[in-house]
Amino acid sequence: MYQKGSFVFYAQAGVCRVVEIGPLTGVPDARAVPYYTLEVVGEPGRVFVPVDTAAYLRPVLSQEEARALLEEIPALGAASDCGSLRQWEEQYRGMVKSHSCRELARLLKTVRRRQGNLERRGRRLGGVDERYRKRAQRLLYTELAVALGVSLDRAEALVEERLAAGAG
């Protein structure tokens, strides 16, 4: 069980802070079990999740794990090339659903490589690539910012530096 004030990664929302633990009051259909009241980091609103949920919920990376991931990013391999847009989308979806910061970094590296390949042929990155890149950026940057105790902008800069270092 997570403690009040701790940060968790919730599959449906990303990084959240536990603000309350207890039964929901004033909700007629709520089960009589304790719920986590989660504030989504960087976004308005709260999420209510039963403590005994089967949904994916994990602690955010520790500071040491976040630093190790940043060191690993240049050596991460991009995902394999796919044939169709549908295959790219399935691959990206699987990377996001893994709930792994490492896979999110690989997704960003893959989109960066794909963008370079498309630009060399005079083409632009498509909507599927953009949509998954933005989702991966939001999830990864937020988790690293919380884990490292830095601003979202600083977390973005750290990731982008490491992606650029591995682009050669």
C-alpha atoms as a PDB file:
ATOM      1  CA  MET A   1       0.000   0.000   0.000  1.00  0.00           C
ATOM      2  CA  TYR A   2       1.271   3.456  -0.917  1.00  0.00           C
ATOM      3  CA  GLN A   3       1.509   6.235   1.636  1.00  0.00           C
ATOM      4  CA  LYS A   4      -0.102   9.657   1.570  1.00  0.00           C
ATOM      5  CA  GLY A   5       2.283  12.092  -0.128  1.00  0.00           C
ATOM      6  CA  SER A   6       4.093   9.441  -2.176  1.00  0.00           C
ATOM      7  CA  PHE A   7       4.343   9.559  -5.946  1.00  0.00           C
ATOM      8  CA  VAL A   8       3.063   6.704  -8.091  1.00  0.00           C
ATOM      9  CA  PHE A   9       2.724   5.915 -11.762  1.00  0.00           C
ATOM     10  CA  TYR A  10      -0.887   5.086 -12.622  1.00  0.00           C
ATOM     11  CA  ALA A  11      -1.419   3.552 -16.065  1.00  0.00           C
ATOM     12  CA  GLN A  12      -4.457   5.663 -16.899  1.00  0.00           C
ATOM     13  CA  ALA A  13      -2.999   9.030 -15.904  1.00  0.00           C
ATOM     14  CA  GLY A  14       0.790   8.924 -15.565  1.00  0.00           C
ATOM     15  CA  VAL A  15       2.619  10.281 -12.531  1.00  0.00           C
ATOM     16  CA  CYS A  16       0.352  11.109  -9.588  1.00  0.00           C
ATOM     17  CA  ARG A  17       0.732  12.125  -5.958  1.00  0.00           C
ATOM     18  CA  VAL A  18      -1.293  10.238  -3.341  1.00  0.00           C
ATOM     19  CA  VAL A  19      -3.268  12.935  -1.496  1.00  0.00           C
ATOM     20  CA  GLU A  20      -5.729  10.784   0.465  1.00  0.00           C
ATOM     21  CA  ILE A  21      -6.370   7.146   1.305  1.00  0.00           C
ATOM     22  CA  GLY A  22      -9.786   6.093   2.514  1.00  0.00           C
ATOM     23  CA  PRO A  23     -13.386   5.425   1.534  1.00  0.00           C
ATOM     24  CA  LEU A  24     -15.043   7.774  -0.910  1.00  0.00           C
ATOM     25  CA  THR A  25     -17.670   9.936   0.691  1.00  0.00           C
ATOM     26  CA  GLY A  26     -20.585  11.471  -1.131  1.00  0.00           C
ATOM     27  CA  VAL A  27     -20.393   9.005  -4.014  1.00  0.00           C
ATOM     28  CA  PRO A  28     -23.527   6.839  -4.013  1.00  0.00           C
ATOM     29  CA  ASP A  29     -22.175   3.926  -6.077  1.00  0.00           C
ATOM     30  CA  ALA A  30     -18.680   3.792  -4.540  1.00  0.00           C
ATOM     31  CA  ARG A  31     -17.622   0.462  -3.086  1.00  0.00           C
ATOM     32  CA  ALA A  32     -17.030   0.402   0.646  1.00  0.00           C
ATOM     33  CA  VAL A  33     -13.276  -0.059   0.252  1.00  0.00           C
ATOM     34  CA  PRO A  34     -10.444   2.401   0.672  1.00  0.00           C
ATOM     35  CA  TYR A  35      -9.474   4.430  -2.380  1.00  0.00           C
ATOM     36  CA  TYR A  36      -6.351   6.322  -3.332  1.00  0.00           C
ATOM     37  CA  THR A  37      -7.136   9.906  -4.206  1.00  0.00           C
ATOM     38  CA  LEU A  38      -4.478  10.814  -6.751  1.00  0.00           C
ATOM     39  CA  GLU A  39      -3.522  14.226  -8.117  1.00  0.00           C
ATOM     40  CA  VAL A  40      -2.118  13.965 -11.607  1.00  0.00           C
ATOM     41  CA  VAL A  41       1.207  15.825 -11.703  1.00  0.00           C
ATOM     42  CA  GLY A  42       1.131  18.753 -14.109  1.00  0.00           C
ATOM     43  CA  GLU A  43      -2.552  18.440 -14.937  1.00  0.00           C
ATOM     44  CA  PRO A  44      -5.766  19.515 -13.240  1.00  0.00           C
ATOM     45  CA  GLY A  45      -8.084  17.103 -11.507  1.00  0.00           C
ATOM     46  CA  ARG A  46      -7.996  14.062  -9.313  1.00  0.00           C
ATOM     47  CA  VAL A  47      -8.320  10.348  -9.924  1.00  0.00           C
ATOM     48  CA  PHE A  48      -9.874   7.849  -7.512  1.00  0.00           C
ATOM     49  CA  VAL A  49      -8.465   4.332  -7.565  1.00  0.00           C
ATOM     50  CA  PRO A  50      -9.471   1.449  -5.256  1.00  0.00           C
ATOM     51  CA  VAL A  51      -6.545   0.364  -3.096  1.00  0.00           C
ATOM     52  CA  ASP A  52      -7.178  -3.228  -4.219  1.00  0.00           C
ATOM     53  CA  THR A  53      -7.201  -2.289  -7.915  1.00  0.00           C
ATOM     54  CA  ALA A  54      -5.956  -4.575 -10.642  1.00  0.00           C
ATOM     55  CA  ALA A  55      -4.998  -1.509 -12.692  1.00  0.00           C
ATOM     56  CA  TYR A  56      -1.320  -0.857 -13.190  1.00  0.00           C
ATOM     57  CA  LEU A  57       0.078   1.183 -10.307  1.00  0.00           C
ATOM     58  CA  ARG A  58       3.751   1.379  -9.345  1.00  0.00           C
ATOM     59  CA  PRO A  59       6.116   3.675  -7.472  1.00  0.00           C
ATOM     60  CA  VAL A  60       7.936   6.246  -9.595  1.00  0.00           C
ATOM     61  CA  LEU A  61      11.605   5.716 -10.326  1.00  0.00           C
ATOM     62  CA  SER A  62      14.036   6.414  -7.530  1.00  0.00           C
ATOM     63  CA  GLN A  63      16.622   9.131  -8.056  1.00  0.00           C
ATOM     64  CA  GLU A  64      19.285   6.462  -8.644  1.00  0.00           C
ATOM     65  CA  GLU A  65      17.122   4.629 -11.190  1.00  0.00           C
ATOM     66  CA  ALA A  66      16.399   7.908 -13.004  1.00  0.00           C
ATOM     67  CA  ARG A  67      20.096   8.778 -13.204  1.00  0.00           C
ATOM     68  CA  ALA A  68      20.930   5.277 -14.451  1.00  0.00           C
ATOM     69  CA  LEU A  69      18.248   5.560 -17.138  1.00  0.00           C
ATOM     70  CA  LEU A  70      19.645   8.894 -18.326  1.00  0.00           C
ATOM     71  CA  GLU A  71      23.098   7.320 -18.604  1.00  0.00           C
ATOM     72  CA  GLU A  72      21.639   4.413 -20.582  1.00  0.00           C
ATOM     73  CA  ILE A  73      19.676   6.471 -23.143  1.00  0.00           C
ATOM     74  CA  PRO A  74      22.523   7.026 -25.667  1.00  0.00           C
ATOM     75  CA  ALA A  75      23.093   3.258 -25.899  1.00  0.00           C
ATOM     76  CA  LEU A  76      19.415   2.320 -26.235  1.00  0.00           C
ATOM     77  CA  GLY A  77      18.534   0.924 -29.620  1.00  0.00           C
ATOM     78  CA  ALA A  78      15.630   2.357 -31.553  1.00  0.00           C
ATOM     79  CA  ALA A  79      12.749   0.009 -32.309  1.00  0.00           C
ATOM     80  CA  SER A  80      12.820  -2.002 -35.529  1.00  0.00           C
ATOM     81  CA  ASP A  81      11.392  -0.482 -38.672  1.00  0.00           C
ATOM     82  CA  CYS A  82       7.819  -1.411 -39.426  1.00  0.00           C
ATOM     83  CA  GLY A  83       6.091  -1.622 -42.751  1.00  0.00           C
ATOM     84  CA  SER A  84       2.706  -0.023 -42.377  1.00  0.00           C
ATOM     85  CA  LEU A  85       1.361   2.836 -40.311  1.00  0.00           C
ATOM     86  CA  ARG A  86      -0.797   0.347 -38.427  1.00  0.00           C
ATOM     87  CA  GLN A  87       2.322  -1.647 -37.451  1.00  0.00           C
ATOM     88  CA  TRP A  88       4.071   1.523 -36.253  1.00  0.00           C
ATOM     89  CA  GLU A  89       1.048   2.405 -34.155  1.00  0.00           C
ATOM     90  CA  GLU A  90       0.899  -1.095 -32.639  1.00  0.00           C
ATOM     91  CA  GLN A  91       4.596  -0.933 -31.822  1.00  0.00           C
ATOM     92  CA  TYR A  92       4.271   2.515 -30.220  1.00  0.00           C
ATOM     93  CA  ARG A  93       1.166   1.451 -28.292  1.00  0.00           C
ATOM     94  CA  GLY A  94       3.030  -1.564 -26.896  1.00  0.00           C
ATOM     95  CA  MET A  95       5.935   0.633 -25.819  1.00  0.00           C
ATOM     96  CA  VAL A  96       3.613   3.024 -23.974  1.00  0.00           C
ATOM     97  CA  LYS A  97       1.606   0.179 -22.415  1.00  0.00           C
ATOM     98  CA  SER A  98       4.805  -1.365 -21.059  1.00  0.00           C
ATOM     99  CA  HIS A  99       4.770   1.460 -18.466  1.00  0.00           C
ATOM    100  CA  SER A 100       8.563   1.422 -18.674  1.00  0.00           C
ATOM    101  CA  CYS A 101      10.607   4.617 -18.776  1.00  0.00           C
ATOM    102  CA  ARG A 102      13.213   2.727 -20.780  1.00  0.00           C
ATOM    103  CA  GLU A 103      10.617   1.883 -23.436  1.00  0.00           C
ATOM    104  CA  LEU A 104       9.394   5.481 -23.486  1.00  0.00           C
ATOM    105  CA  ALA A 105      12.970   6.623 -24.123  1.00  0.00           C
ATOM    106  CA  ARG A 106      13.266   4.023 -26.916  1.00  0.00           C
ATOM    107  CA  LEU A 107      10.024   5.341 -28.402  1.00  0.00           C
ATOM    108  CA  LEU A 108      11.449   8.876 -28.430  1.00  0.00           C
ATOM    109  CA  LYS A 109      14.658   7.622 -29.985  1.00  0.00           C
ATOM    110  CA  THR A 110      12.667   5.698 -32.612  1.00  0.00           C
ATOM    111  CA  VAL A 111      10.536   8.695 -33.556  1.00  0.00           C
ATOM    112  CA  ARG A 112      13.647  10.888 -33.755  1.00  0.00           C
ATOM    113  CA  ARG A 113      15.311   8.396 -36.126  1.00  0.00           C
ATOM    114  CA  ARG A 114      12.127   8.014 -38.154  1.00  0.00           C
ATOM    115  CA  GLN A 115      11.774  11.789 -38.448  1.00  0.00           C
ATOM    116  CA  GLY A 116      15.332  12.092 -39.769  1.00  0.00           C
ATOM    117  CA  ASN A 117      14.706   9.346 -42.343  1.00  0.00           C
ATOM    118  CA  LEU A 118      11.488  10.995 -43.516  1.00  0.00           C
ATOM    119  CA  GLU A 119      13.049  14.469 -43.729  1.00  0.00           C
ATOM    120  CA  ARG A 120      15.874  13.139 -45.906  1.00  0.00           C
ATOM    121  CA  ARG A 121      13.179  12.049 -48.371  1.00  0.00           C
ATOM    122  CA  GLY A 122      11.411  15.406 -48.156  1.00  0.00           C
ATOM    123  CA  ARG A 123       8.549  14.081 -46.031  1.00  0.00           C
ATOM    124  CA  ARG A 124       7.154  15.059 -42.660  1.00  0.00           C
ATOM    125  CA  LEU A 125       6.439  13.059 -39.543  1.00  0.00           C
ATOM    126  CA  GLY A 126       2.873  11.783 -39.418  1.00  0.00           C
ATOM    127  CA  GLY A 127       0.129  12.171 -36.832  1.00  0.00           C
ATOM    128  CA  VAL A 128       0.637   8.734 -35.257  1.00  0.00           C
ATOM    129  CA  ASP A 129       4.322   9.440 -34.621  1.00  0.00           C
ATOM    130  CA  GLU A 130       3.546  12.903 -33.222  1.00  0.00           C
ATOM    131  CA  ARG A 131       0.761  11.643 -30.953  1.00  0.00           C
ATOM    132  CA  TYR A 132       2.882   8.879 -29.431  1.00  0.00           C
ATOM    133  CA  ARG A 133       5.928  11.123 -29.154  1.00  0.00           C
ATOM    134  CA  LYS A 134       3.932  13.695 -27.182  1.00  0.00           C
ATOM    135  CA  ARG A 135       2.489  11.032 -24.884  1.00  0.00           C
ATOM    136  CA  ALA A 136       5.919   9.474 -24.283  1.00  0.00           C
ATOM    137  CA  GLN A 137       7.441  12.893 -23.622  1.00  0.00           C
ATOM    138  CA  ARG A 138       4.741  13.812 -21.087  1.00  0.00           C
ATOM    139  CA  LEU A 139       5.061  10.500 -19.236  1.00  0.00           C
ATOM    140  CA  LEU A 140       8.860  10.290 -19.267  1.00  0.00           C
ATOM    141  CA  TYR A 141       9.637  13.945 -18.535  1.00  0.00           C
ATOM    142  CA  THR A 142       7.145  14.053 -15.668  1.00  0.00           C
ATOM    143  CA  GLU A 143       8.482  10.901 -14.042  1.00  0.00           C
ATOM    144  CA  LEU A 144      12.092  12.014 -14.364  1.00  0.00           C
ATOM    145  CA  ALA A 145      11.260  15.490 -13.015  1.00  0.00           C
ATOM    146  CA  VAL A 146       9.638  13.973  -9.923  1.00  0.00           C
ATOM    147  CA  ALA A 147      12.367  11.354  -9.431  1.00  0.00           C
ATOM    148  CA  LEU A 148      15.220  13.838  -9.813  1.00  0.00           C
ATOM    149  CA  GLY A 149      13.510  16.747  -8.054  1.00  0.00           C
ATOM    150  CA  VAL A 150      13.919  19.058 -11.056  1.00  0.00           C
ATOM    151  CA  SER A 151      11.568  21.118 -13.200  1.00  0.00           C
ATOM    152  CA  LEU A 152       9.784  19.605 -16.168  1.00  0.00           C
ATOM    153  CA  ASP A 153      11.866  21.802 -18.490  1.00  0.00           C
ATOM    154  CA  ARG A 154      15.093  20.528 -16.909  1.00  0.00           C
ATOM    155  CA  ALA A 155      13.956  16.906 -17.222  1.00  0.00           C
ATOM    156  CA  GLU A 156      13.183  17.521 -20.905  1.00  0.00           C
ATOM    157  CA  ALA A 157      16.624  19.077 -21.446  1.00  0.00           C
ATOM    158  CA  LEU A 158      18.347  16.128 -19.745  1.00  0.00           C
ATOM    159  CA  VAL A 159      16.530  13.596 -21.956  1.00  0.00           C
ATOM    160  CA  GLU A 160      17.092  15.596 -25.139  1.00  0.00           C
ATOM    161  CA  GLU A 161      20.838  15.895 -24.347  1.00  0.00           C
ATOM    162  CA  ARG A 162      21.071  12.134 -23.904  1.00  0.00           C
ATOM    163  CA  LEU A 163      19.047  11.430 -27.067  1.00  0.00           C
ATOM    164  CA  ALA A 164      21.345  13.742 -29.042  1.00  0.00           C
ATOM    165  CA  ALA A 165      24.398  12.017 -27.552  1.00  0.00           C
ATOM    166  CA  GLY A 166      23.157   8.691 -28.896  1.00  0.00           C
ATOM    167  CA  ALA A 167      22.170   9.972 -32.331  1.00  0.00           C
ATOM    168  CA  GLY A 168      25.617   9.541 -33.855  1.00  0.00           C
END
